[in-house]
Amino acid sequence: MKTDDDGSVRSVLRAFDLLALFTEHRRTWAVKDLTTASGLAKTTVLRLVATCEQRGLLWTRPDGRITVGPGMLRWAQLANTAWQLPEPVRQVLRELAAECRETVNLYVRSTSVLVCVAQQEGPLAIRHVGRVGDELPLGFGAAGRVLDGAEGAAVSHGEPEPGASSVATPVHDGDGRLLAALAITGPSSRFGPGEVAAFTEALTAASVRISQIGLATRAE
């Protein structure tokens, strides 16, 4: 038998799914398009939008289009502070990027996706650059395979985009639990067998250093 709690949880999940439709590439929506994209009834969308507006999470502009609300600024600042890595860890990322001359990313698992929580761009003009906060499907790319339970290092070619390659190694806590995946990503033309072997060695050493330092943030 369904309870009121079941309905409340379903409404919360629907609201989260609605908010997830707002991205860097789609910052505003018309109600009609939001209804189509969400697969929900228009009345449900209007109700969810109104509720989110009350909390400042969404905002209806004068032209009727809906965008993220000013209340998100507080959450964004909180997330930025909570995921600010210790300076010694950031130094490891800088040294690794300088040594391997490729972009370095640190990913953590969030349910069925992996999220980039830190990045150090490589020094070369042609390089792979994503964004902190970018999400990828679990099991996708080298980092995704590591966070999906692959043993040791993982290598991928053509993921997350054609022409890109990546090598990743796991980062563990003091008890051996998987915390994150440390990855080097760049053009596939620079990821031959010799380079992959060298990257794997450098990543493994850097992952051990990060494991020893820990990922505890200032917010903790």
Protein backbone atom coordinates (compact mmCIF):
# COMPACT_ATOMS: atom_id res chain seq x y z
CA MET A 1 0.00 0.00 0.00
CA LYS A 2 1.34 3.41 -0.97
CA THR A 3 1.73 6.01 1.75
CA ASP A 4 1.94 9.79 1.80
CA ASP A 5 5.69 9.39 2.28
CA ASP A 6 5.91 7.54 -1.04
CA GLY A 7 4.23 10.45 -2.79
CA SER A 8 6.50 12.97 -1.06
CA VAL A 9 9.64 11.10 -2.08
CA ARG A 10 8.37 10.84 -5.66
CA SER A 11 7.74 14.60 -5.75
CA VAL A 12 11.23 15.32 -4.45
CA LEU A 13 12.78 13.05 -7.07
CA ARG A 14 10.74 14.72 -9.80
CA ALA A 15 11.89 18.14 -8.62
CA PHE A 16 15.53 17.01 -8.71
CA ASP A 17 15.06 15.57 -12.20
CA LEU A 18 13.54 18.86 -13.32
CA LEU A 19 16.45 20.85 -11.91
CA ALA A 20 18.90 18.50 -13.62
CA LEU A 21 17.55 19.61 -17.01
CA PHE A 22 19.18 23.01 -16.49
CA THR A 23 22.73 22.82 -17.78
CA GLU A 24 25.52 25.02 -19.05
CA HIS A 25 24.19 24.41 -22.55
CA ARG A 26 20.50 24.85 -21.67
CA ARG A 27 20.14 27.57 -19.09
CA THR A 28 16.51 28.54 -19.74
CA TRP A 29 13.36 26.64 -20.64
CA ALA A 30 9.86 27.45 -21.79
CA VAL A 31 7.22 25.60 -19.79
CA LYS A 32 6.12 23.68 -22.90
CA ASP A 33 9.65 22.46 -23.63
CA LEU A 34 10.29 21.66 -19.98
CA THR A 35 7.13 19.56 -19.94
CA THR A 36 8.22 17.66 -23.04
CA ALA A 37 11.78 17.10 -21.81
CA SER A 38 10.71 15.94 -18.36
CA GLY A 39 7.94 13.65 -19.58
CA LEU A 40 5.68 14.99 -16.83
CA ALA A 41 2.21 16.45 -17.10
CA LYS A 42 2.11 20.22 -17.54
CA THR A 43 0.21 20.63 -14.26
CA THR A 44 2.93 18.68 -12.46
CA VAL A 45 5.67 20.78 -14.03
CA LEU A 46 3.92 24.01 -13.06
CA ARG A 47 3.50 22.77 -9.49
CA LEU A 48 7.14 21.73 -9.21
CA VAL A 49 8.34 25.01 -10.70
CA ALA A 50 6.21 26.99 -8.26
CA THR A 51 7.58 25.00 -5.32
CA CYS A 52 11.17 25.46 -6.47
CA GLU A 53 10.56 29.17 -6.97
CA GLN A 54 9.38 29.45 -3.37
CA ARG A 55 12.78 28.11 -2.29
CA GLY A 56 14.69 30.28 -4.75
CA LEU A 57 15.87 27.30 -6.79
CA LEU A 58 14.09 28.38 -9.98
CA TRP A 59 13.15 31.77 -11.38
CA THR A 60 10.59 32.81 -13.99
CA ARG A 61 11.94 35.65 -16.11
CA PRO A 62 9.78 38.50 -17.42
CA ASP A 63 9.66 36.77 -20.82
CA GLY A 64 8.15 33.68 -19.19
CA ARG A 65 11.19 31.46 -19.56
CA ILE A 66 12.40 29.58 -16.51
CA THR A 67 15.98 29.56 -15.28
CA VAL A 68 17.86 28.70 -12.11
CA GLY A 69 17.06 30.92 -9.16
CA PRO A 70 19.28 33.07 -6.94
CA GLY A 71 18.96 30.52 -4.16
CA MET A 72 21.33 28.34 -6.16
CA LEU A 73 24.15 30.79 -5.50
CA ARG A 74 24.32 29.74 -1.86
CA TRP A 75 24.36 26.05 -2.82
CA ALA A 76 27.03 26.68 -5.44
CA GLN A 77 29.23 28.47 -2.92
CA LEU A 78 28.68 25.70 -0.38
CA ALA A 79 29.63 23.01 -2.91
CA ASN A 80 32.71 24.94 -3.96
CA THR A 81 33.83 25.22 -0.34
CA ALA A 82 32.96 21.64 0.58
CA TRP A 83 34.95 20.23 -2.36
CA GLN A 84 37.96 22.51 -2.04
CA LEU A 85 40.76 19.95 -1.87
CA PRO A 86 43.66 20.29 0.57
CA GLU A 87 46.53 22.30 -0.89
CA PRO A 88 48.95 19.32 -0.71
CA VAL A 89 46.57 17.35 -2.96
CA ARG A 90 46.34 20.22 -5.43
CA GLN A 91 50.13 20.36 -5.45
CA VAL A 92 50.23 16.68 -6.41
CA LEU A 93 47.90 17.44 -9.34
CA ARG A 94 50.08 20.35 -10.47
CA GLU A 95 53.25 18.27 -10.32
CA LEU A 96 51.62 15.38 -12.18
CA ALA A 97 50.37 17.67 -14.97
CA ALA A 98 53.82 19.24 -15.29
CA GLU A 99 55.55 15.85 -15.35
CA CYS A 100 53.22 14.19 -17.87
CA ARG A 101 52.37 17.39 -19.78
CA GLU A 102 48.71 16.38 -19.98
CA THR A 103 45.53 17.43 -18.18
CA VAL A 104 44.93 15.77 -14.81
CA ASN A 105 41.45 15.19 -13.36
CA LEU A 106 40.22 13.80 -10.07
CA TYR A 107 36.84 12.05 -10.12
CA VAL A 108 34.54 10.70 -7.43
CA ARG A 109 31.53 8.44 -7.76
CA SER A 110 28.04 9.84 -7.22
CA THR A 111 25.44 7.06 -7.52
CA SER A 112 25.49 6.05 -11.21
CA VAL A 113 27.82 8.78 -12.49
CA LEU A 114 31.33 10.03 -11.88
CA VAL A 115 31.91 13.71 -11.19
CA CYS A 116 35.06 15.73 -11.82
CA VAL A 117 35.93 17.48 -8.55
CA ALA A 118 39.33 18.90 -9.51
CA GLN A 119 41.35 19.58 -12.62
CA GLN A 120 44.84 20.74 -13.50
CA GLU A 121 45.25 21.62 -17.16
CA GLY A 122 48.27 20.38 -19.06
CA PRO A 123 50.81 22.89 -20.41
CA LEU A 124 50.55 22.01 -24.11
CA ALA A 125 48.52 24.13 -26.51
CA ILE A 126 46.51 21.14 -27.75
CA ARG A 127 45.09 19.46 -24.68
CA HIS A 128 41.92 18.00 -23.26
CA VAL A 129 39.98 20.36 -21.02
CA GLY A 130 36.70 19.58 -19.30
CA ARG A 131 35.11 21.37 -16.38
CA VAL A 132 34.96 20.73 -12.68
CA GLY A 133 31.46 19.43 -12.06
CA ASP A 134 31.24 17.57 -15.38
CA GLU A 135 29.51 14.19 -15.10
CA LEU A 136 30.17 10.99 -17.03
CA PRO A 137 28.34 7.65 -16.91
CA LEU A 138 29.83 5.12 -14.53
CA GLY A 139 32.01 2.67 -16.45
CA PHE A 140 32.67 5.24 -19.17
CA GLY A 141 36.30 6.12 -19.87
CA ALA A 142 39.30 5.09 -17.80
CA ALA A 143 38.17 6.91 -14.65
CA GLY A 144 34.66 5.50 -15.00
CA ARG A 145 36.03 1.97 -15.16
CA VAL A 146 38.17 2.51 -12.07
CA LEU A 147 35.20 3.83 -10.10
CA ASP A 148 33.07 0.95 -11.39
CA GLY A 149 35.39 -1.51 -9.71
CA ALA A 150 38.16 -2.20 -12.21
CA GLU A 151 41.29 -3.51 -10.51
CA GLY A 152 44.33 -1.26 -10.77
CA ALA A 153 44.87 1.09 -13.69
CA ALA A 154 42.45 1.47 -16.60
CA VAL A 155 43.01 2.82 -20.11
CA SER A 156 40.48 4.16 -22.61
CA HIS A 157 40.66 5.45 -26.17
CA GLY A 158 37.92 7.43 -27.88
CA GLU A 159 36.15 8.24 -24.62
CA PRO A 160 34.70 10.62 -23.53
CA GLU A 161 35.07 11.88 -27.10
CA PRO A 162 36.69 10.67 -30.33
CA GLY A 163 40.41 11.37 -30.45
CA ALA A 164 40.79 11.51 -26.67
CA SER A 165 42.53 8.93 -24.52
CA SER A 166 42.87 8.52 -20.80
CA VAL A 167 44.69 6.54 -18.13
CA ALA A 168 43.36 6.35 -14.57
CA THR A 169 44.33 4.79 -11.26
CA PRO A 170 42.39 4.38 -8.01
CA VAL A 171 42.81 6.51 -4.89
CA HIS A 172 42.08 4.68 -1.63
CA ASP A 173 41.64 5.74 1.97
CA GLY A 174 43.64 4.36 4.88
CA ASP A 175 41.37 1.33 5.11
CA GLY A 176 41.72 0.48 1.44
CA ARG A 177 38.30 1.76 0.39
CA LEU A 178 38.00 3.33 -3.05
CA LEU A 179 37.73 7.12 -2.75
CA ALA A 180 38.39 8.52 -6.20
CA ALA A 181 39.98 8.01 -9.60
CA LEU A 182 42.98 10.03 -10.71
CA ALA A 183 43.17 10.40 -14.49
CA ILE A 184 45.39 11.82 -17.20
CA THR A 185 43.57 12.73 -20.41
CA GLY A 186 44.79 14.06 -23.75
CA PRO A 187 44.87 13.54 -27.52
CA SER A 188 45.09 9.86 -28.49
CA SER A 189 48.11 10.64 -30.68
CA ARG A 190 50.11 11.19 -27.47
CA PHE A 191 48.90 8.00 -25.77
CA GLY A 192 50.98 5.28 -27.41
CA PRO A 193 52.08 2.16 -25.47
CA GLY A 194 55.21 3.84 -24.12
CA GLU A 195 53.36 6.94 -22.99
CA VAL A 196 50.58 4.89 -21.40
CA ALA A 197 53.14 2.90 -19.41
CA ALA A 198 54.85 6.09 -18.22
CA PHE A 199 51.53 7.74 -17.36
CA THR A 200 50.44 4.66 -15.41
CA GLU A 201 53.62 4.71 -13.34
CA ALA A 202 53.30 8.43 -12.61
CA LEU A 203 49.60 8.13 -11.79
CA THR A 204 50.18 5.21 -9.45
CA ALA A 205 52.78 7.16 -7.49
CA ALA A 206 50.56 10.25 -7.36
CA SER A 207 47.55 8.21 -6.24
CA VAL A 208 49.56 6.78 -3.36
CA ARG A 209 50.58 10.29 -2.30
CA ILE A 210 46.97 11.50 -2.40
CA SER A 211 45.85 8.44 -0.43
CA GLN A 212 48.40 9.30 2.24
CA ILE A 213 47.30 12.95 2.36
CA GLY A 214 43.57 12.22 2.24
CA LEU A 215 40.75 14.12 0.58
CA ALA A 216 39.38 15.78 3.72
CA THR A 217 38.26 19.31 2.89
CA ARG A 218 38.08 22.50 4.90
CA ALA A 219 34.34 21.98 5.34
CA GLU A 220 35.02 18.84 7.36
